[in-house]
Amino acid sequence: MTLDTTKTVKKRPFFFRRGPMENIATALIAIGFLMLFQPFALVLYTYSLVTLLAGTVMFIIVSKFPE
């Protein structure tokens, strides 16, 4: 009789995985930065700070997730 010592790894849902969510947060920060420095649409400029802050807060929270 042999013992099975392999661990069963449960797959986390997409929104609880660190890697993809860090990429999304980084993309939000980049989009907010581009919105801030574009000269064409006032609406994009208006929401640029909110987008930057949302991406930053999301990155801070997601970076605490386990690998």
PDB file of N, CA and C in Angstrom:
ATOM      1  N   MET A   1       0.846  -1.176   0.000  1.00  0.00           N
ATOM      2  CA  MET A   1       0.000   0.000   0.000  1.00  0.00           C
ATOM      3  C   MET A   1       0.892   1.239   0.000  1.00  0.00           C
ATOM      4  N   THR A   2       0.632   2.168  -0.901  1.00  0.00           N
ATOM      5  CA  THR A   2       1.420   3.396  -0.978  1.00  0.00           C
ATOM      6  C   THR A   2       0.555   4.574  -0.586  1.00  0.00           C
ATOM      7  N   LEU A   3       1.202   5.542  -0.010  1.00  0.00           N
ATOM      8  CA  LEU A   3       0.496   6.760   0.375  1.00  0.00           C
ATOM      9  C   LEU A   3       0.656   7.788  -0.717  1.00  0.00           C
ATOM     10  N   ASP A   4      -0.421   8.432  -1.051  1.00  0.00           N
ATOM     11  CA  ASP A   4      -0.373   9.498  -2.054  1.00  0.00           C
ATOM     12  C   ASP A   4      -0.069  10.809  -1.339  1.00  0.00           C
ATOM     13  N   THR A   5       1.136  11.313  -1.544  1.00  0.00           N
ATOM     14  CA  THR A   5       1.548  12.527  -0.833  1.00  0.00           C
ATOM     15  C   THR A   5       1.417  13.784  -1.682  1.00  0.00           C
ATOM     16  N   THR A   6       0.849  13.660  -2.856  1.00  0.00           N
ATOM     17  CA  THR A   6       0.685  14.840  -3.694  1.00  0.00           C
ATOM     18  C   THR A   6      -0.419  15.715  -3.132  1.00  0.00           C
ATOM     19  N   LYS A   7      -0.183  16.986  -3.196  1.00  0.00           N
ATOM     20  CA  LYS A   7      -1.184  17.935  -2.699  1.00  0.00           C
ATOM     21  C   LYS A   7      -2.186  18.232  -3.809  1.00  0.00           C
ATOM     22  N   THR A   8      -3.407  18.349  -3.425  1.00  0.00           N
ATOM     23  CA  THR A   8      -4.407  18.776  -4.388  1.00  0.00           C
ATOM     24  C   THR A   8      -4.491  20.295  -4.316  1.00  0.00           C
ATOM     25  N   VAL A   9      -4.227  20.920  -5.427  1.00  0.00           N
ATOM     26  CA  VAL A   9      -4.236  22.378  -5.492  1.00  0.00           C
ATOM     27  C   VAL A   9      -5.574  22.814  -6.068  1.00  0.00           C
ATOM     28  N   LYS A  10      -6.285  23.596  -5.280  1.00  0.00           N
ATOM     29  CA  LYS A  10      -7.563  24.111  -5.749  1.00  0.00           C
ATOM     30  C   LYS A  10      -7.303  25.332  -6.624  1.00  0.00           C
ATOM     31  N   LYS A  11      -7.920  25.341  -7.778  1.00  0.00           N
ATOM     32  CA  LYS A  11      -7.813  26.498  -8.655  1.00  0.00           C
ATOM     33  C   LYS A  11      -8.686  27.610  -8.116  1.00  0.00           C
ATOM     34  N   ARG A  12      -8.099  28.761  -7.954  1.00  0.00           N
ATOM     35  CA  ARG A  12      -8.875  29.914  -7.505  1.00  0.00           C
ATOM     36  C   ARG A  12      -9.583  30.534  -8.702  1.00  0.00           C
ATOM     37  N   PRO A  13     -10.714  31.172  -8.462  1.00  0.00           N
ATOM     38  CA  PRO A  13     -11.359  31.898  -9.564  1.00  0.00           C
ATOM     39  C   PRO A  13     -10.447  33.009 -10.086  1.00  0.00           C
ATOM     40  N   PHE A  14     -10.718  33.456 -11.283  1.00  0.00           N
ATOM     41  CA  PHE A  14      -9.878  34.450 -11.951  1.00  0.00           C
ATOM     42  C   PHE A  14      -9.687  35.704 -11.108  1.00  0.00           C
ATOM     43  N   PHE A  15     -10.719  36.131 -10.414  1.00  0.00           N
ATOM     44  CA  PHE A  15     -10.647  37.383  -9.663  1.00  0.00           C
ATOM     45  C   PHE A  15      -9.934  37.247  -8.325  1.00  0.00           C
ATOM     46  N   PHE A  16      -9.503  36.039  -7.982  1.00  0.00           N
ATOM     47  CA  PHE A  16      -8.737  35.861  -6.755  1.00  0.00           C
ATOM     48  C   PHE A  16      -7.313  35.399  -7.021  1.00  0.00           C
ATOM     49  N   ARG A  17      -6.892  35.454  -8.281  1.00  0.00           N
ATOM     50  CA  ARG A  17      -5.514  35.102  -8.619  1.00  0.00           C
ATOM     51  C   ARG A  17      -4.687  36.363  -8.712  1.00  0.00           C
ATOM     52  N   ARG A  18      -3.489  36.303  -8.179  1.00  0.00           N
ATOM     53  CA  ARG A  18      -2.653  37.494  -8.067  1.00  0.00           C
ATOM     54  C   ARG A  18      -2.138  37.988  -9.422  1.00  0.00           C
ATOM     55  N   GLY A  19      -1.624  37.101 -10.243  1.00  0.00           N
ATOM     56  CA  GLY A  19      -0.985  37.488 -11.499  1.00  0.00           C
ATOM     57  C   GLY A  19      -1.894  38.254 -12.446  1.00  0.00           C
ATOM     58  N   PRO A  20      -3.036  37.677 -12.840  1.00  0.00           N
ATOM     59  CA  PRO A  20      -3.908  38.387 -13.777  1.00  0.00           C
ATOM     60  C   PRO A  20      -4.455  39.697 -13.207  1.00  0.00           C
ATOM     61  N   MET A  21      -4.758  39.709 -11.916  1.00  0.00           N
ATOM     62  CA  MET A  21      -5.321  40.922 -11.333  1.00  0.00           C
ATOM     63  C   MET A  21      -4.275  42.028 -11.212  1.00  0.00           C
ATOM     64  N   GLU A  22      -3.022  41.670 -10.972  1.00  0.00           N
ATOM     65  CA  GLU A  22      -1.969  42.689 -10.974  1.00  0.00           C
ATOM     66  C   GLU A  22      -1.807  43.276 -12.367  1.00  0.00           C
ATOM     67  N   ASN A  23      -1.939  42.440 -13.399  1.00  0.00           N
ATOM     68  CA  ASN A  23      -1.851  42.943 -14.769  1.00  0.00           C
ATOM     69  C   ASN A  23      -2.994  43.904 -15.083  1.00  0.00           C
ATOM     70  N   ILE A  24      -4.186  43.589 -14.619  1.00  0.00           N
ATOM     71  CA  ILE A  24      -5.337  44.468 -14.840  1.00  0.00           C
ATOM     72  C   ILE A  24      -5.142  45.786 -14.097  1.00  0.00           C
ATOM     73  N   ALA A  25      -4.649  45.722 -12.862  1.00  0.00           N
ATOM     74  CA  ALA A  25      -4.409  46.942 -12.093  1.00  0.00           C
ATOM     75  C   ALA A  25      -3.349  47.807 -12.755  1.00  0.00           C
ATOM     76  N   THR A  26      -2.294  47.186 -13.268  1.00  0.00           N
ATOM     77  CA  THR A  26      -1.245  47.933 -13.966  1.00  0.00           C
ATOM     78  C   THR A  26      -1.794  48.573 -15.236  1.00  0.00           C
ATOM     79  N   ALA A  27      -2.651  47.853 -15.938  1.00  0.00           N
ATOM     80  CA  ALA A  27      -3.268  48.415 -17.139  1.00  0.00           C
ATOM     81  C   ALA A  27      -4.163  49.603 -16.786  1.00  0.00           C
ATOM     82  N   LEU A  28      -4.890  49.523 -15.676  1.00  0.00           N
ATOM     83  CA  LEU A  28      -5.719  50.657 -15.239  1.00  0.00           C
ATOM     84  C   LEU A  28      -4.863  51.884 -14.932  1.00  0.00           C
ATOM     85  N   ILE A  29      -3.730  51.671 -14.291  1.00  0.00           N
ATOM     86  CA  ILE A  29      -2.826  52.780 -13.988  1.00  0.00           C
ATOM     87  C   ILE A  29      -2.308  53.397 -15.280  1.00  0.00           C
ATOM     88  N   ALA A  30      -1.932  52.560 -16.241  1.00  0.00           N
ATOM     89  CA  ALA A  30      -1.427  53.063 -17.525  1.00  0.00           C
ATOM     90  C   ALA A  30      -2.513  53.821 -18.289  1.00  0.00           C
ATOM     91  N   ILE A  31      -3.728  53.305 -18.271  1.00  0.00           N
ATOM     92  CA  ILE A  31      -4.837  53.990 -18.959  1.00  0.00           C
ATOM     93  C   ILE A  31      -5.105  55.341 -18.304  1.00  0.00           C
ATOM     94  N   GLY A  32      -5.089  55.380 -16.967  1.00  0.00           N
ATOM     95  CA  GLY A  32      -5.280  56.652 -16.271  1.00  0.00           C
ATOM     96  C   GLY A  32      -4.185  57.655 -16.602  1.00  0.00           C
ATOM     97  N   PHE A  33      -2.958  57.174 -16.709  1.00  0.00           N
ATOM     98  CA  PHE A  33      -1.843  58.048 -17.066  1.00  0.00           C
ATOM     99  C   PHE A  33      -2.015  58.607 -18.479  1.00  0.00           C
ATOM    100  N   LEU A  34      -2.407  57.753 -19.417  1.00  0.00           N
ATOM    101  CA  LEU A  34      -2.640  58.218 -20.787  1.00  0.00           C
ATOM    102  C   LEU A  34      -3.815  59.189 -20.854  1.00  0.00           C
ATOM    103  N   MET A  35      -4.847  58.923 -20.077  1.00  0.00           N
ATOM    104  CA  MET A  35      -5.993  59.835 -20.042  1.00  0.00           C
ATOM    105  C   MET A  35      -5.594  61.211 -19.505  1.00  0.00           C
ATOM    106  N   LEU A  36      -4.655  61.231 -18.584  1.00  0.00           N
ATOM    107  CA  LEU A  36      -4.221  62.485 -17.975  1.00  0.00           C
ATOM    108  C   LEU A  36      -3.458  63.369 -18.962  1.00  0.00           C
ATOM    109  N   PHE A  37      -2.683  62.740 -19.849  1.00  0.00           N
ATOM    110  CA  PHE A  37      -1.806  63.514 -20.729  1.00  0.00           C
ATOM    111  C   PHE A  37      -2.269  63.604 -22.177  1.00  0.00           C
ATOM    112  N   GLN A  38      -3.508  63.272 -22.441  1.00  0.00           N
ATOM    113  CA  GLN A  38      -4.012  63.430 -23.804  1.00  0.00           C
ATOM    114  C   GLN A  38      -4.659  64.805 -23.941  1.00  0.00           C
ATOM    115  N   PRO A  39      -4.522  65.455 -25.086  1.00  0.00           N
ATOM    116  CA  PRO A  39      -5.038  66.815 -25.251  1.00  0.00           C
ATOM    117  C   PRO A  39      -6.393  66.907 -25.958  1.00  0.00           C
ATOM    118  N   PHE A  40      -7.087  65.793 -26.168  1.00  0.00           N
ATOM    119  CA  PHE A  40      -8.243  65.814 -27.063  1.00  0.00           C
ATOM    120  C   PHE A  40      -9.592  65.909 -26.364  1.00  0.00           C
ATOM    121  N   ALA A  41      -9.815  65.130 -25.326  1.00  0.00           N
ATOM    122  CA  ALA A  41     -11.151  65.045 -24.731  1.00  0.00           C
ATOM    123  C   ALA A  41     -11.099  65.429 -23.252  1.00  0.00           C
ATOM    124  N   LEU A  42     -11.910  66.394 -22.900  1.00  0.00           N
ATOM    125  CA  LEU A  42     -11.967  66.851 -21.515  1.00  0.00           C
ATOM    126  C   LEU A  42     -12.552  65.785 -20.596  1.00  0.00           C
ATOM    127  N   VAL A  43     -13.461  64.962 -21.126  1.00  0.00           N
ATOM    128  CA  VAL A  43     -14.072  63.904 -20.315  1.00  0.00           C
ATOM    129  C   VAL A  43     -13.011  62.900 -19.864  1.00  0.00           C
ATOM    130  N   LEU A  44     -12.103  62.533 -20.767  1.00  0.00           N
ATOM    131  CA  LEU A  44     -11.033  61.602 -20.390  1.00  0.00           C
ATOM    132  C   LEU A  44     -10.132  62.223 -19.335  1.00  0.00           C
ATOM    133  N   TYR A  45      -9.816  63.496 -19.489  1.00  0.00           N
ATOM    134  CA  TYR A  45      -8.987  64.183 -18.506  1.00  0.00           C
ATOM    135  C   TYR A  45      -9.691  64.244 -17.144  1.00  0.00           C
ATOM    136  N   THR A  46     -11.004  64.443 -17.179  1.00  0.00           N
ATOM    137  CA  THR A  46     -11.772  64.558 -15.942  1.00  0.00           C
ATOM    138  C   THR A  46     -11.716  63.275 -15.115  1.00  0.00           C
ATOM    139  N   TYR A  47     -11.799  62.135 -15.766  1.00  0.00           N
ATOM    140  CA  TYR A  47     -11.827  60.866 -15.044  1.00  0.00           C
ATOM    141  C   TYR A  47     -10.457  60.204 -14.919  1.00  0.00           C
ATOM    142  N   SER A  48      -9.399  60.871 -15.318  1.00  0.00           N
ATOM    143  CA  SER A  48      -8.067  60.272 -15.277  1.00  0.00           C
ATOM    144  C   SER A  48      -7.591  60.027 -13.845  1.00  0.00           C
ATOM    145  N   LEU A  49      -7.816  60.972 -12.953  1.00  0.00           N
ATOM    146  CA  LEU A  49      -7.369  60.801 -11.573  1.00  0.00           C
ATOM    147  C   LEU A  49      -8.122  59.667 -10.885  1.00  0.00           C
ATOM    148  N   VAL A  50      -9.416  59.565 -11.151  1.00  0.00           N
ATOM    149  CA  VAL A  50     -10.207  58.483 -10.572  1.00  0.00           C
ATOM    150  C   VAL A  50      -9.688  57.131 -11.070  1.00  0.00           C
ATOM    151  N   THR A  51      -9.354  57.049 -12.346  1.00  0.00           N
ATOM    152  CA  THR A  51      -8.832  55.813 -12.917  1.00  0.00           C
ATOM    153  C   THR A  51      -7.474  55.468 -12.323  1.00  0.00           C
ATOM    154  N   LEU A  52      -6.613  56.468 -12.191  1.00  0.00           N
ATOM    155  CA  LEU A  52      -5.300  56.241 -11.576  1.00  0.00           C
ATOM    156  C   LEU A  52      -5.439  55.746 -10.137  1.00  0.00           C
ATOM    157  N   LEU A  53      -6.295  56.385  -9.380  1.00  0.00           N
ATOM    158  CA  LEU A  53      -6.487  55.982  -7.991  1.00  0.00           C
ATOM    159  C   LEU A  53      -7.097  54.590  -7.872  1.00  0.00           C
ATOM    160  N   ALA A  54      -8.046  54.274  -8.735  1.00  0.00           N
ATOM    161  CA  ALA A  54      -8.661  52.942  -8.706  1.00  0.00           C
ATOM    162  C   ALA A  54      -7.621  51.863  -9.022  1.00  0.00           C
ATOM    163  N   GLY A  55      -6.781  52.114 -10.011  1.00  0.00           N
ATOM    164  CA  GLY A  55      -5.737  51.149 -10.344  1.00  0.00           C
ATOM    165  C   GLY A  55      -4.720  50.998  -9.236  1.00  0.00           C
ATOM    166  N   THR A  56      -4.365  52.103  -8.586  1.00  0.00           N
ATOM    167  CA  THR A  56      -3.393  52.050  -7.496  1.00  0.00           C
ATOM    168  C   THR A  56      -3.945  51.293  -6.294  1.00  0.00           C
ATOM    169  N   VAL A  57      -5.176  51.591  -5.908  1.00  0.00           N
ATOM    170  CA  VAL A  57      -5.798  50.899  -4.781  1.00  0.00           C
ATOM    171  C   VAL A  57      -5.968  49.418  -5.102  1.00  0.00           C
ATOM    172  N   MET A  58      -6.371  49.121  -6.325  1.00  0.00           N
ATOM    173  CA  MET A  58      -6.529  47.730  -6.733  1.00  0.00           C
ATOM    174  C   MET A  58      -5.193  46.999  -6.680  1.00  0.00           C
ATOM    175  N   PHE A  59      -4.122  47.640  -7.120  1.00  0.00           N
ATOM    176  CA  PHE A  59      -2.804  47.015  -7.086  1.00  0.00           C
ATOM    177  C   PHE A  59      -2.352  46.755  -5.653  1.00  0.00           C
ATOM    178  N   ILE A  60      -2.607  47.694  -4.766  1.00  0.00           N
ATOM    179  CA  ILE A  60      -2.222  47.522  -3.365  1.00  0.00           C
ATOM    180  C   ILE A  60      -2.983  46.341  -2.748  1.00  0.00           C
ATOM    181  N   ILE A  61      -4.270  46.242  -3.025  1.00  0.00           N
ATOM    182  CA  ILE A  61      -5.071  45.153  -2.462  1.00  0.00           C
ATOM    183  C   ILE A  61      -4.666  43.810  -3.072  1.00  0.00           C
ATOM    184  N   VAL A  62      -4.519  43.763  -4.373  1.00  0.00           N
ATOM    185  CA  VAL A  62      -4.212  42.507  -5.057  1.00  0.00           C
ATOM    186  C   VAL A  62      -2.812  42.007  -4.721  1.00  0.00           C
ATOM    187  N   SER A  63      -1.894  42.906  -4.441  1.00  0.00           N
ATOM    188  CA  SER A  63      -0.533  42.466  -4.133  1.00  0.00           C
ATOM    189  C   SER A  63      -0.468  41.706  -2.804  1.00  0.00           C
ATOM    190  N   LYS A  64      -1.513  41.754  -2.014  1.00  0.00           N
ATOM    191  CA  LYS A  64      -1.577  40.996  -0.769  1.00  0.00           C
ATOM    192  C   LYS A  64      -2.095  39.570  -0.974  1.00  0.00           C
ATOM    193  N   PHE A  65      -2.633  39.266  -2.151  1.00  0.00           N
ATOM    194  CA  PHE A  65      -3.137  37.923  -2.432  1.00  0.00           C
ATOM    195  C   PHE A  65      -1.979  36.928  -2.457  1.00  0.00           C
ATOM    196  N   PRO A  66      -2.237  35.668  -2.090  1.00  0.00           N
ATOM    197  CA  PRO A  66      -1.178  34.673  -2.210  1.00  0.00           C
ATOM    198  C   PRO A  66      -0.886  34.350  -3.673  1.00  0.00           C
ATOM    199  N   GLU A  67       0.286  33.840  -3.925  1.00  0.00           N
ATOM    200  CA  GLU A  67       0.706  33.538  -5.301  1.00  0.00           C
ATOM    201  C   GLU A  67      -0.204  32.529  -5.948  1.00  0.00           C
TER     202      GLU A  67
END
